[in-house]
Amino acid sequence: MLFKIIGLIIGLLVLGAGVYYLIKEKDDTESKKIYGIISAVGAVITIVCTVLLIVS
């Protein structure tokens, strides 16, 4: 259970950082692509850890 909570926190931090830099670098198209992918990875980690916490 501890690993799921740590994974949830890490996922939220990655998602938050990705969204922050996505907004900050909104004029650069290549940066938008990279930070969009980082945000998506953070969202997937967050969703998976949340589902695992609810199921168990």
PDB file of N, CA and C in Angstrom:
ATOM      1  N   MET A   1       0.823  -1.186   0.000  1.00  0.00           N
ATOM      2  CA  MET A   1       0.000   0.000   0.000  1.00  0.00           C
ATOM      3  C   MET A   1       0.872   1.258   0.000  1.00  0.00           C
ATOM      4  N   LEU A   2       1.998   1.182   0.654  1.00  0.00           N
ATOM      5  CA  LEU A   2       2.893   2.335   0.709  1.00  0.00           C
ATOM      6  C   LEU A   2       3.424   2.702  -0.677  1.00  0.00           C
ATOM      7  N   PHE A   3       3.722   1.670  -1.489  1.00  0.00           N
ATOM      8  CA  PHE A   3       4.228   1.926  -2.838  1.00  0.00           C
ATOM      9  C   PHE A   3       3.155   2.585  -3.707  1.00  0.00           C
ATOM     10  N   LYS A   4       1.901   2.234  -3.496  1.00  0.00           N
ATOM     11  CA  LYS A   4       0.811   2.834  -4.265  1.00  0.00           C
ATOM     12  C   LYS A   4       0.635   4.311  -3.914  1.00  0.00           C
ATOM     13  N   ILE A   5       0.767   4.626  -2.639  1.00  0.00           N
ATOM     14  CA  ILE A   5       0.644   6.026  -2.221  1.00  0.00           C
ATOM     15  C   ILE A   5       1.833   6.843  -2.731  1.00  0.00           C
ATOM     16  N   ILE A   6       3.024   6.276  -2.649  1.00  0.00           N
ATOM     17  CA  ILE A   6       4.207   6.971  -3.180  1.00  0.00           C
ATOM     18  C   ILE A   6       4.081   7.154  -4.689  1.00  0.00           C
ATOM     19  N   GLY A   7       3.587   6.134  -5.385  1.00  0.00           N
ATOM     20  CA  GLY A   7       3.360   6.242  -6.820  1.00  0.00           C
ATOM     21  C   GLY A   7       2.337   7.313  -7.153  1.00  0.00           C
ATOM     22  N   LEU A   8       1.299   7.415  -6.339  1.00  0.00           N
ATOM     23  CA  LEU A   8       0.282   8.445  -6.537  1.00  0.00           C
ATOM     24  C   LEU A   8       0.875   9.838  -6.367  1.00  0.00           C
ATOM     25  N   ILE A   9       1.699  10.020  -5.352  1.00  0.00           N
ATOM     26  CA  ILE A   9       2.335  11.323  -5.118  1.00  0.00           C
ATOM     27  C   ILE A   9       3.286  11.665  -6.267  1.00  0.00           C
ATOM     28  N   ILE A  10       4.069  10.694  -6.704  1.00  0.00           N
ATOM     29  CA  ILE A  10       4.991  10.934  -7.811  1.00  0.00           C
ATOM     30  C   ILE A  10       4.221  11.259  -9.089  1.00  0.00           C
ATOM     31  N   GLY A  11       3.139  10.537  -9.344  1.00  0.00           N
ATOM     32  CA  GLY A  11       2.320  10.806 -10.522  1.00  0.00           C
ATOM     33  C   GLY A  11       1.732  12.201 -10.503  1.00  0.00           C
ATOM     34  N   LEU A  12       1.264  12.634  -9.344  1.00  0.00           N
ATOM     35  CA  LEU A  12       0.711  13.989  -9.228  1.00  0.00           C
ATOM     36  C   LEU A  12       1.790  15.053  -9.436  1.00  0.00           C
ATOM     37  N   LEU A  13       2.976  14.804  -8.902  1.00  0.00           N
ATOM     38  CA  LEU A  13       4.067  15.763  -9.077  1.00  0.00           C
ATOM     39  C   LEU A  13       4.515  15.858 -10.535  1.00  0.00           C
ATOM     40  N   VAL A  14       4.609  14.719 -11.211  1.00  0.00           N
ATOM     41  CA  VAL A  14       4.997  14.721 -12.623  1.00  0.00           C
ATOM     42  C   VAL A  14       3.921  15.412 -13.456  1.00  0.00           C
ATOM     43  N   LEU A  15       2.662  15.115 -13.169  1.00  0.00           N
ATOM     44  CA  LEU A  15       1.563  15.763 -13.876  1.00  0.00           C
ATOM     45  C   LEU A  15       1.570  17.269 -13.649  1.00  0.00           C
ATOM     46  N   GLY A  16       1.763  17.687 -12.416  1.00  0.00           N
ATOM     47  CA  GLY A  16       1.804  19.118 -12.104  1.00  0.00           C
ATOM     48  C   GLY A  16       2.955  19.831 -12.777  1.00  0.00           C
ATOM     49  N   ALA A  17       4.125  19.212 -12.767  1.00  0.00           N
ATOM     50  CA  ALA A  17       5.288  19.827 -13.421  1.00  0.00           C
ATOM     51  C   ALA A  17       5.084  19.905 -14.927  1.00  0.00           C
ATOM     52  N   GLY A  18       4.524  18.867 -15.515  1.00  0.00           N
ATOM     53  CA  GLY A  18       4.277  18.877 -16.949  1.00  0.00           C
ATOM     54  C   GLY A  18       3.298  19.957 -17.355  1.00  0.00           C
ATOM     55  N   VAL A  19       2.231  20.110 -16.592  1.00  0.00           N
ATOM     56  CA  VAL A  19       1.238  21.147 -16.901  1.00  0.00           C
ATOM     57  C   VAL A  19       1.829  22.532 -16.684  1.00  0.00           C
ATOM     58  N   TYR A  20       2.604  22.703 -15.631  1.00  0.00           N
ATOM     59  CA  TYR A  20       3.221  23.998 -15.348  1.00  0.00           C
ATOM     60  C   TYR A  20       4.116  24.438 -16.502  1.00  0.00           C
ATOM     61  N   TYR A  21       5.016  23.548 -16.922  1.00  0.00           N
ATOM     62  CA  TYR A  21       5.930  23.907 -17.999  1.00  0.00           C
ATOM     63  C   TYR A  21       5.227  23.961 -19.350  1.00  0.00           C
ATOM     64  N   LEU A  22       4.137  23.214 -19.504  1.00  0.00           N
ATOM     65  CA  LEU A  22       3.352  23.306 -20.727  1.00  0.00           C
ATOM     66  C   LEU A  22       2.743  24.694 -20.876  1.00  0.00           C
ATOM     67  N   ILE A  23       2.255  25.239 -19.788  1.00  0.00           N
ATOM     68  CA  ILE A  23       1.700  26.595 -19.815  1.00  0.00           C
ATOM     69  C   ILE A  23       2.814  27.630 -19.960  1.00  0.00           C
ATOM     70  N   LYS A  24       3.926  27.405 -19.265  1.00  0.00           N
ATOM     71  CA  LYS A  24       5.035  28.355 -19.294  1.00  0.00           C
ATOM     72  C   LYS A  24       5.667  28.451 -20.688  1.00  0.00           C
ATOM     73  N   GLU A  25       5.800  27.346 -21.381  1.00  0.00           N
ATOM     74  CA  GLU A  25       6.449  27.305 -22.692  1.00  0.00           C
ATOM     75  C   GLU A  25       5.407  27.153 -23.806  1.00  0.00           C
ATOM     76  N   LYS A  26       4.320  27.872 -23.728  1.00  0.00           N
ATOM     77  CA  LYS A  26       3.223  27.683 -24.673  1.00  0.00           C
ATOM     78  C   LYS A  26       3.539  28.165 -26.085  1.00  0.00           C
ATOM     79  N   ASP A  27       4.586  28.954 -26.284  1.00  0.00           N
ATOM     80  CA  ASP A  27       4.913  29.463 -27.605  1.00  0.00           C
ATOM     81  C   ASP A  27       5.801  28.516 -28.412  1.00  0.00           C
ATOM     82  N   ASP A  28       6.520  27.635 -27.749  1.00  0.00           N
ATOM     83  CA  ASP A  28       7.444  26.717 -28.415  1.00  0.00           C
ATOM     84  C   ASP A  28       6.718  25.403 -28.730  1.00  0.00           C
ATOM     85  N   THR A  29       6.613  25.062 -30.006  1.00  0.00           N
ATOM     86  CA  THR A  29       5.831  23.880 -30.392  1.00  0.00           C
ATOM     87  C   THR A  29       6.490  22.573 -29.956  1.00  0.00           C
ATOM     88  N   GLU A  30       7.816  22.496 -30.027  1.00  0.00           N
ATOM     89  CA  GLU A  30       8.479  21.259 -29.620  1.00  0.00           C
ATOM     90  C   GLU A  30       8.387  21.052 -28.109  1.00  0.00           C
ATOM     91  N   SER A  31       8.487  22.128 -27.343  1.00  0.00           N
ATOM     92  CA  SER A  31       8.340  22.029 -25.892  1.00  0.00           C
ATOM     93  C   SER A  31       6.923  21.606 -25.522  1.00  0.00           C
ATOM     94  N   LYS A  32       5.939  22.117 -26.261  1.00  0.00           N
ATOM     95  CA  LYS A  32       4.557  21.730 -25.990  1.00  0.00           C
ATOM     96  C   LYS A  32       4.358  20.238 -26.186  1.00  0.00           C
ATOM     97  N   LYS A  33       5.006  19.673 -27.196  1.00  0.00           N
ATOM     98  CA  LYS A  33       4.883  18.235 -27.448  1.00  0.00           C
ATOM     99  C   LYS A  33       5.520  17.439 -26.307  1.00  0.00           C
ATOM    100  N   ILE A  34       6.711  17.841 -25.908  1.00  0.00           N
ATOM    101  CA  ILE A  34       7.434  17.124 -24.859  1.00  0.00           C
ATOM    102  C   ILE A  34       6.690  17.208 -23.526  1.00  0.00           C
ATOM    103  N   TYR A  35       6.277  18.403 -23.140  1.00  0.00           N
ATOM    104  CA  TYR A  35       5.587  18.556 -21.858  1.00  0.00           C
ATOM    105  C   TYR A  35       4.191  17.967 -21.888  1.00  0.00           C
ATOM    106  N   GLY A  36       3.588  17.886 -23.068  1.00  0.00           N
ATOM    107  CA  GLY A  36       2.303  17.193 -23.184  1.00  0.00           C
ATOM    108  C   GLY A  36       2.453  15.706 -22.922  1.00  0.00           C
ATOM    109  N   ILE A  37       3.530  15.115 -23.439  1.00  0.00           N
ATOM    110  CA  ILE A  37       3.798  13.699 -23.192  1.00  0.00           C
ATOM    111  C   ILE A  37       4.108  13.458 -21.720  1.00  0.00           C
ATOM    112  N   ILE A  38       4.885  14.344 -21.114  1.00  0.00           N
ATOM    113  CA  ILE A  38       5.210  14.213 -19.685  1.00  0.00           C
ATOM    114  C   ILE A  38       3.938  14.310 -18.844  1.00  0.00           C
ATOM    115  N   SER A  39       3.049  15.228 -19.196  1.00  0.00           N
ATOM    116  CA  SER A  39       1.789  15.367 -18.473  1.00  0.00           C
ATOM    117  C   SER A  39       0.931  14.113 -18.621  1.00  0.00           C
ATOM    118  N   ALA A  40       0.914  13.539 -19.815  1.00  0.00           N
ATOM    119  CA  ALA A  40       0.138  12.321 -20.042  1.00  0.00           C
ATOM    120  C   ALA A  40       0.685  11.149 -19.225  1.00  0.00           C
ATOM    121  N   VAL A  41       2.006  11.040 -19.149  1.00  0.00           N
ATOM    122  CA  VAL A  41       2.615   9.970 -18.345  1.00  0.00           C
ATOM    123  C   VAL A  41       2.263  10.154 -16.866  1.00  0.00           C
ATOM    124  N   GLY A  42       2.336  11.381 -16.387  1.00  0.00           N
ATOM    125  CA  GLY A  42       1.960  11.651 -14.997  1.00  0.00           C
ATOM    126  C   GLY A  42       0.504  11.336 -14.730  1.00  0.00           C
ATOM    127  N   ALA A  43      -0.365  11.639 -15.697  1.00  0.00           N
ATOM    128  CA  ALA A  43      -1.787  11.329 -15.534  1.00  0.00           C
ATOM    129  C   ALA A  43      -2.025   9.823 -15.498  1.00  0.00           C
ATOM    130  N   VAL A  44      -1.318   9.083 -16.344  1.00  0.00           N
ATOM    131  CA  VAL A  44      -1.476   7.625 -16.353  1.00  0.00           C
ATOM    132  C   VAL A  44      -0.997   7.025 -15.033  1.00  0.00           C
ATOM    133  N   ILE A  45       0.133   7.470 -14.545  1.00  0.00           N
ATOM    134  CA  ILE A  45       0.642   6.974 -13.259  1.00  0.00           C
ATOM    135  C   ILE A  45      -0.354   7.278 -12.147  1.00  0.00           C
ATOM    136  N   THR A  46      -0.900   8.484 -12.143  1.00  0.00           N
ATOM    137  CA  THR A  46      -1.869   8.876 -11.118  1.00  0.00           C
ATOM    138  C   THR A  46      -3.123   8.019 -11.190  1.00  0.00           C
ATOM    139  N   ILE A  47      -3.639   7.809 -12.390  1.00  0.00           N
ATOM    140  CA  ILE A  47      -4.863   7.014 -12.541  1.00  0.00           C
ATOM    141  C   ILE A  47      -4.640   5.568 -12.130  1.00  0.00           C
ATOM    142  N   VAL A  48      -3.525   4.977 -12.541  1.00  0.00           N
ATOM    143  CA  VAL A  48      -3.245   3.587 -12.198  1.00  0.00           C
ATOM    144  C   VAL A  48      -3.111   3.416 -10.692  1.00  0.00           C
ATOM    145  N   CYS A  49      -2.366   4.296 -10.044  1.00  0.00           N
ATOM    146  CA  CYS A  49      -2.180   4.185  -8.594  1.00  0.00           C
ATOM    147  C   CYS A  49      -3.494   4.434  -7.843  1.00  0.00           C
ATOM    148  N   THR A  50      -4.315   5.337  -8.338  1.00  0.00           N
ATOM    149  CA  THR A  50      -5.605   5.599  -7.702  1.00  0.00           C
ATOM    150  C   THR A  50      -6.514   4.372  -7.811  1.00  0.00           C
ATOM    151  N   VAL A  51      -6.553   3.753  -8.995  1.00  0.00           N
ATOM    152  CA  VAL A  51      -7.375   2.551  -9.182  1.00  0.00           C
ATOM    153  C   VAL A  51      -6.861   1.425  -8.306  1.00  0.00           C
ATOM    154  N   LEU A  52      -5.555   1.265  -8.216  1.00  0.00           N
ATOM    155  CA  LEU A  52      -5.003   0.216  -7.367  1.00  0.00           C
ATOM    156  C   LEU A  52      -5.320   0.443  -5.892  1.00  0.00           C
ATOM    157  N   LEU A  53      -5.325   1.705  -5.469  1.00  0.00           N
ATOM    158  CA  LEU A  53      -5.686   1.992  -4.073  1.00  0.00           C
ATOM    159  C   LEU A  53      -7.159   1.721  -3.805  1.00  0.00           C
ATOM    160  N   ILE A  54      -8.005   2.015  -4.765  1.00  0.00           N
ATOM    161  CA  ILE A  54      -9.448   1.791  -4.576  1.00  0.00           C
ATOM    162  C   ILE A  54      -9.757   0.300  -4.569  1.00  0.00           C
ATOM    163  N   VAL A  55      -9.112  -0.460  -5.450  1.00  0.00           N
ATOM    164  CA  VAL A  55      -9.394  -1.888  -5.560  1.00  0.00           C
ATOM    165  C   VAL A  55      -8.922  -2.654  -4.322  1.00  0.00           C
ATOM    166  N   SER A  56      -7.773  -2.283  -3.800  1.00  0.00           N
ATOM    167  CA  SER A  56      -7.232  -3.052  -2.667  1.00  0.00           C
ATOM    168  C   SER A  56      -7.685  -2.565  -1.337  1.00  0.00           C
TER     169      SER A  56
END
